[in-house]
N, C-alpha and C. Protein backbone atom coordinates (compact mmCIF):
# COMPACT_ATOMS: atom_id res chain seq x y z
N MET A 1 -15.50 -12.50 -2.78
CA MET A 1 -14.90 -11.20 -2.57
C MET A 1 -13.42 -11.40 -2.25
N PHE A 2 -12.60 -10.54 -2.79
CA PHE A 2 -11.17 -10.63 -2.58
C PHE A 2 -10.75 -9.68 -1.48
N LYS A 3 -9.84 -10.15 -0.64
CA LYS A 3 -9.27 -9.31 0.40
C LYS A 3 -7.92 -8.82 -0.08
N ILE A 4 -7.70 -7.54 -0.04
CA ILE A 4 -6.41 -6.99 -0.47
C ILE A 4 -5.41 -7.20 0.65
N PRO A 5 -4.29 -7.90 0.35
CA PRO A 5 -3.29 -8.15 1.38
C PRO A 5 -2.59 -6.86 1.80
N LYS A 6 -2.09 -6.87 3.01
CA LYS A 6 -1.36 -5.72 3.53
C LYS A 6 0.07 -5.74 2.97
N PRO A 7 0.47 -4.69 2.29
CA PRO A 7 1.83 -4.67 1.72
C PRO A 7 2.90 -4.55 2.80
N GLU A 8 4.07 -5.08 2.50
CA GLU A 8 5.21 -4.99 3.41
C GLU A 8 6.28 -4.10 2.78
N TYR A 9 6.99 -3.37 3.60
CA TYR A 9 8.00 -2.44 3.10
C TYR A 9 9.32 -2.65 3.84
N THR A 10 10.42 -2.47 3.11
CA THR A 10 11.75 -2.60 3.72
C THR A 10 12.00 -1.39 4.63
N PRO A 11 12.86 -1.57 5.63
CA PRO A 11 13.20 -0.43 6.50
C PRO A 11 13.80 0.74 5.70
N GLU A 12 14.59 0.42 4.68
CA GLU A 12 15.19 1.47 3.86
C GLU A 12 14.13 2.28 3.14
N PHE A 13 13.09 1.59 2.62
CA PHE A 13 12.01 2.26 1.91
C PHE A 13 11.27 3.20 2.86
N ARG A 14 11.00 2.73 4.07
CA ARG A 14 10.30 3.57 5.06
C ARG A 14 11.13 4.81 5.39
N GLU A 15 12.42 4.60 5.61
CA GLU A 15 13.30 5.72 5.94
C GLU A 15 13.37 6.72 4.80
N LEU A 16 13.44 6.24 3.58
CA LEU A 16 13.48 7.13 2.41
C LEU A 16 12.21 7.96 2.33
N ALA A 17 11.05 7.32 2.53
CA ALA A 17 9.77 8.04 2.47
C ALA A 17 9.70 9.12 3.55
N VAL A 18 10.10 8.78 4.76
CA VAL A 18 10.07 9.74 5.87
C VAL A 18 11.04 10.88 5.60
N LYS A 19 12.22 10.56 5.08
CA LYS A 19 13.23 11.57 4.80
C LYS A 19 12.71 12.58 3.77
N ARG A 20 11.95 12.09 2.77
CA ARG A 20 11.40 12.99 1.75
C ARG A 20 10.38 13.94 2.35
N VAL A 21 9.58 13.45 3.30
CA VAL A 21 8.60 14.31 3.96
C VAL A 21 9.32 15.35 4.81
N LYS A 22 10.35 14.91 5.54
CA LYS A 22 11.10 15.83 6.40
C LYS A 22 11.85 16.88 5.60
N SER A 23 12.16 16.57 4.33
CA SER A 23 12.88 17.54 3.49
C SER A 23 11.94 18.62 2.94
N GLY A 24 10.66 18.50 3.24
CA GLY A 24 9.74 19.56 2.84
C GLY A 24 8.65 19.15 1.86
N GLN A 25 8.72 17.95 1.32
CA GLN A 25 7.68 17.50 0.41
C GLN A 25 6.43 17.15 1.21
N SER A 26 5.27 17.35 0.58
CA SER A 26 4.03 17.05 1.30
C SER A 26 3.82 15.54 1.40
N ILE A 27 3.10 15.14 2.44
CA ILE A 27 2.81 13.72 2.64
C ILE A 27 2.02 13.18 1.46
N GLY A 28 1.06 13.95 0.98
CA GLY A 28 0.24 13.52 -0.15
C GLY A 28 1.06 13.27 -1.40
N ALA A 29 1.98 14.19 -1.71
CA ALA A 29 2.80 14.06 -2.91
C ALA A 29 3.73 12.84 -2.81
N VAL A 30 4.36 12.68 -1.67
CA VAL A 30 5.28 11.55 -1.48
C VAL A 30 4.50 10.23 -1.54
N ALA A 31 3.35 10.19 -0.90
CA ALA A 31 2.54 8.97 -0.88
C ALA A 31 2.11 8.59 -2.31
N ARG A 32 1.64 9.56 -3.08
CA ARG A 32 1.24 9.28 -4.47
C ARG A 32 2.42 8.78 -5.29
N GLU A 33 3.55 9.45 -5.13
CA GLU A 33 4.74 9.10 -5.91
C GLU A 33 5.23 7.68 -5.59
N LEU A 34 5.15 7.29 -4.32
CA LEU A 34 5.66 5.99 -3.90
C LEU A 34 4.59 4.91 -3.88
N GLY A 35 3.34 5.28 -4.19
CA GLY A 35 2.27 4.30 -4.20
C GLY A 35 1.82 3.86 -2.82
N LEU A 36 1.84 4.80 -1.89
CA LEU A 36 1.46 4.51 -0.50
C LEU A 36 0.11 5.14 -0.19
N VAL A 37 -0.52 4.64 0.85
CA VAL A 37 -1.69 5.28 1.41
C VAL A 37 -1.17 6.41 2.30
N GLU A 38 -1.79 7.57 2.20
CA GLU A 38 -1.30 8.73 2.97
C GLU A 38 -1.22 8.45 4.46
N GLN A 39 -2.20 7.76 4.99
CA GLN A 39 -2.21 7.49 6.44
C GLN A 39 -1.02 6.61 6.84
N THR A 40 -0.63 5.69 5.98
CA THR A 40 0.53 4.85 6.26
C THR A 40 1.77 5.72 6.41
N LEU A 41 1.94 6.65 5.48
CA LEU A 41 3.10 7.54 5.53
C LEU A 41 3.03 8.45 6.76
N ARG A 42 1.84 8.94 7.11
CA ARG A 42 1.70 9.75 8.32
C ARG A 42 2.14 8.95 9.55
N ASN A 43 1.72 7.69 9.60
CA ASN A 43 2.11 6.83 10.73
C ASN A 43 3.62 6.65 10.79
N TRP A 44 4.25 6.50 9.64
CA TRP A 44 5.71 6.33 9.60
C TRP A 44 6.40 7.60 10.09
N VAL A 45 5.92 8.77 9.66
CA VAL A 45 6.52 10.03 10.08
C VAL A 45 6.38 10.18 11.59
N LYS A 46 5.21 9.85 12.13
CA LYS A 46 4.98 9.93 13.57
C LYS A 46 5.89 8.95 14.32
N ALA A 47 6.01 7.73 13.80
CA ALA A 47 6.87 6.72 14.43
C ALA A 47 8.33 7.16 14.39
N ALA A 48 8.75 7.76 13.29
CA ALA A 48 10.13 8.22 13.16
C ALA A 48 10.42 9.33 14.18
N ALA A 49 9.45 10.20 14.40
CA ALA A 49 9.62 11.28 15.37
C ALA A 49 9.78 10.72 16.78
N GLN A 50 9.18 9.56 17.03
CA GLN A 50 9.28 8.92 18.34
C GLN A 50 10.44 7.94 18.41
N GLY A 51 11.17 7.79 17.30
CA GLY A 51 12.29 6.86 17.26
C GLY A 51 11.87 5.41 17.15
N LYS A 52 10.66 5.16 16.64
CA LYS A 52 10.13 3.80 16.57
C LYS A 52 9.82 3.35 15.14
N LEU A 53 10.43 3.99 14.14
CA LEU A 53 10.12 3.64 12.76
C LEU A 53 10.51 2.21 12.43
N ASN A 54 11.72 1.83 12.75
CA ASN A 54 12.20 0.47 12.49
C ASN A 54 12.77 -0.10 13.78
N PRO A 55 11.90 -0.55 14.68
CA PRO A 55 12.38 -1.06 15.96
C PRO A 55 13.26 -2.30 15.77
N PRO A 56 14.17 -2.57 16.71
CA PRO A 56 15.11 -3.69 16.58
C PRO A 56 14.44 -5.05 16.39
N GLY A 57 13.29 -5.30 16.99
CA GLY A 57 12.64 -6.60 16.89
C GLY A 57 11.70 -6.72 15.71
N ALA A 58 11.67 -5.72 14.84
CA ALA A 58 10.73 -5.73 13.72
C ALA A 58 11.10 -6.81 12.69
N LYS A 59 10.09 -7.28 11.99
CA LYS A 59 10.28 -8.30 10.95
C LYS A 59 11.14 -7.72 9.83
N VAL A 60 12.15 -8.44 9.42
CA VAL A 60 13.03 -8.00 8.35
C VAL A 60 12.37 -8.34 7.02
N VAL A 61 12.26 -7.33 6.15
CA VAL A 61 11.64 -7.51 4.84
C VAL A 61 12.70 -7.23 3.78
N THR A 62 12.93 -8.20 2.91
CA THR A 62 13.90 -8.01 1.83
C THR A 62 13.23 -7.27 0.67
N PRO A 63 14.02 -6.66 -0.20
CA PRO A 63 13.43 -6.00 -1.37
C PRO A 63 12.58 -6.95 -2.22
N GLU A 64 12.98 -8.21 -2.29
CA GLU A 64 12.22 -9.19 -3.07
C GLU A 64 10.85 -9.45 -2.42
N GLN A 65 10.84 -9.53 -1.09
CA GLN A 65 9.58 -9.73 -0.38
C GLN A 65 8.68 -8.51 -0.55
N MET A 66 9.28 -7.32 -0.54
CA MET A 66 8.52 -6.10 -0.73
C MET A 66 7.88 -6.09 -2.12
N GLU A 67 8.64 -6.45 -3.14
CA GLU A 67 8.11 -6.49 -4.51
C GLU A 67 7.01 -7.53 -4.62
N LEU A 68 7.20 -8.70 -4.03
CA LEU A 68 6.19 -9.74 -4.06
C LEU A 68 4.91 -9.25 -3.37
N SER A 69 5.07 -8.58 -2.26
CA SER A 69 3.92 -8.02 -1.54
C SER A 69 3.19 -7.00 -2.39
N ARG A 70 3.95 -6.13 -3.05
CA ARG A 70 3.35 -5.11 -3.92
C ARG A 70 2.58 -5.76 -5.05
N LEU A 71 3.14 -6.81 -5.64
CA LEU A 71 2.48 -7.50 -6.75
C LEU A 71 1.21 -8.22 -6.28
N ARG A 72 1.23 -8.75 -5.06
CA ARG A 72 0.03 -9.41 -4.52
C ARG A 72 -1.10 -8.39 -4.34
N VAL A 73 -0.75 -7.22 -3.83
CA VAL A 73 -1.75 -6.17 -3.65
C VAL A 73 -2.31 -5.74 -5.00
N GLU A 74 -1.44 -5.55 -5.97
CA GLU A 74 -1.88 -5.15 -7.31
C GLU A 74 -2.76 -6.23 -7.93
N ASN A 75 -2.38 -7.49 -7.76
CA ASN A 75 -3.15 -8.61 -8.31
C ASN A 75 -4.55 -8.65 -7.69
N ALA A 76 -4.64 -8.46 -6.39
CA ALA A 76 -5.94 -8.47 -5.71
C ALA A 76 -6.80 -7.31 -6.20
N ARG A 77 -6.19 -6.14 -6.39
CA ARG A 77 -6.94 -4.98 -6.88
C ARG A 77 -7.46 -5.23 -8.29
N LEU A 78 -6.63 -5.81 -9.15
CA LEU A 78 -7.04 -6.10 -10.52
C LEU A 78 -8.14 -7.16 -10.57
N ARG A 79 -8.07 -8.14 -9.69
CA ARG A 79 -9.13 -9.15 -9.62
C ARG A 79 -10.46 -8.51 -9.27
N MET A 80 -10.42 -7.59 -8.28
CA MET A 80 -11.65 -6.91 -7.89
C MET A 80 -12.20 -6.08 -9.05
N GLU A 81 -11.31 -5.42 -9.78
CA GLU A 81 -11.75 -4.61 -10.92
C GLU A 81 -12.39 -5.48 -12.01
N CYS A 82 -11.91 -6.70 -12.17
CA CYS A 82 -12.49 -7.62 -13.16
C CYS A 82 -13.83 -8.17 -12.70
N GLU A 83 -14.02 -8.28 -11.40
CA GLU A 83 -15.27 -8.82 -10.86
C GLU A 83 -16.43 -7.83 -11.02
N ILE A 84 -16.14 -6.56 -10.97
CA ILE A 84 -17.21 -5.55 -11.04
C ILE A 84 -18.00 -5.66 -12.34
N PRO A 85 -17.37 -5.70 -13.53
CA PRO A 85 -18.17 -5.83 -14.75
C PRO A 85 -18.94 -7.15 -14.82
N LYS A 86 -18.35 -8.23 -14.30
CA LYS A 86 -19.04 -9.52 -14.30
C LYS A 86 -20.31 -9.45 -13.47
N LYS A 87 -20.21 -8.86 -12.28
CA LYS A 87 -21.37 -8.75 -11.42
C LYS A 87 -22.41 -7.81 -12.00
N ALA A 88 -21.97 -6.73 -12.63
CA ALA A 88 -22.90 -5.80 -13.25
C ALA A 88 -23.63 -6.46 -14.41
N THR A 89 -22.90 -7.23 -15.21
CA THR A 89 -23.51 -7.94 -16.33
C THR A 89 -24.55 -8.92 -15.84
N ALA A 90 -24.23 -9.66 -14.81
CA ALA A 90 -25.18 -10.63 -14.25
C ALA A 90 -26.40 -9.92 -13.69
N TYR A 91 -26.20 -8.80 -13.04
CA TYR A 91 -27.31 -8.05 -12.46
C TYR A 91 -28.26 -7.54 -13.54
N PHE A 92 -27.69 -6.93 -14.59
CA PHE A 92 -28.52 -6.37 -15.64
C PHE A 92 -29.14 -7.45 -16.52
N ALA A 93 -28.46 -8.58 -16.67
CA ALA A 93 -29.03 -9.69 -17.44
C ALA A 93 -30.24 -10.25 -16.71
N LYS A 94 -30.19 -10.27 -15.39
CA LYS A 94 -31.31 -10.78 -14.60
C LYS A 94 -32.52 -9.85 -14.76
N ASP A 95 -32.29 -8.54 -14.82
CA ASP A 95 -33.37 -7.58 -14.99
C ASP A 95 -34.00 -7.66 -16.37
N ALA A 96 -33.21 -8.07 -17.38
CA ALA A 96 -33.70 -8.10 -18.77
C ALA A 96 -34.64 -9.28 -18.98
N LEU A 97 -34.56 -10.31 -18.14
CA LEU A 97 -35.41 -11.50 -18.32
C LEU A 97 -36.77 -11.28 -17.86
C-alpha cells in the first residue's frame, strides 16, 4: 500500500489562496482551482485571521520544493490507481479457478 505524502506549499502560495477567499471566492472553488483539499484551505484562512499563517519559525519552502512535493503526491496517487486494477484482476482470477 502506498502512503500519499503530505504536500508542502510556499508562504506566497498560501497567502495567494487566502487572499482569493477573502476577496469573495468560495473556499471550495479556490481549493479546486489550486488543487488543494478544502480543509487545508479552511485551516489557512483561520490561521491568517489569527495572524499565524506563516509564522517566523516556519520551514521555508522554495517553489522547486513545492513542485517536487506536488509531483510526489501525484505519483503516489497514480501508483494507487494502477494497483487497483491489478488487485481486482488477481481477485477475479482467483474466483475463476
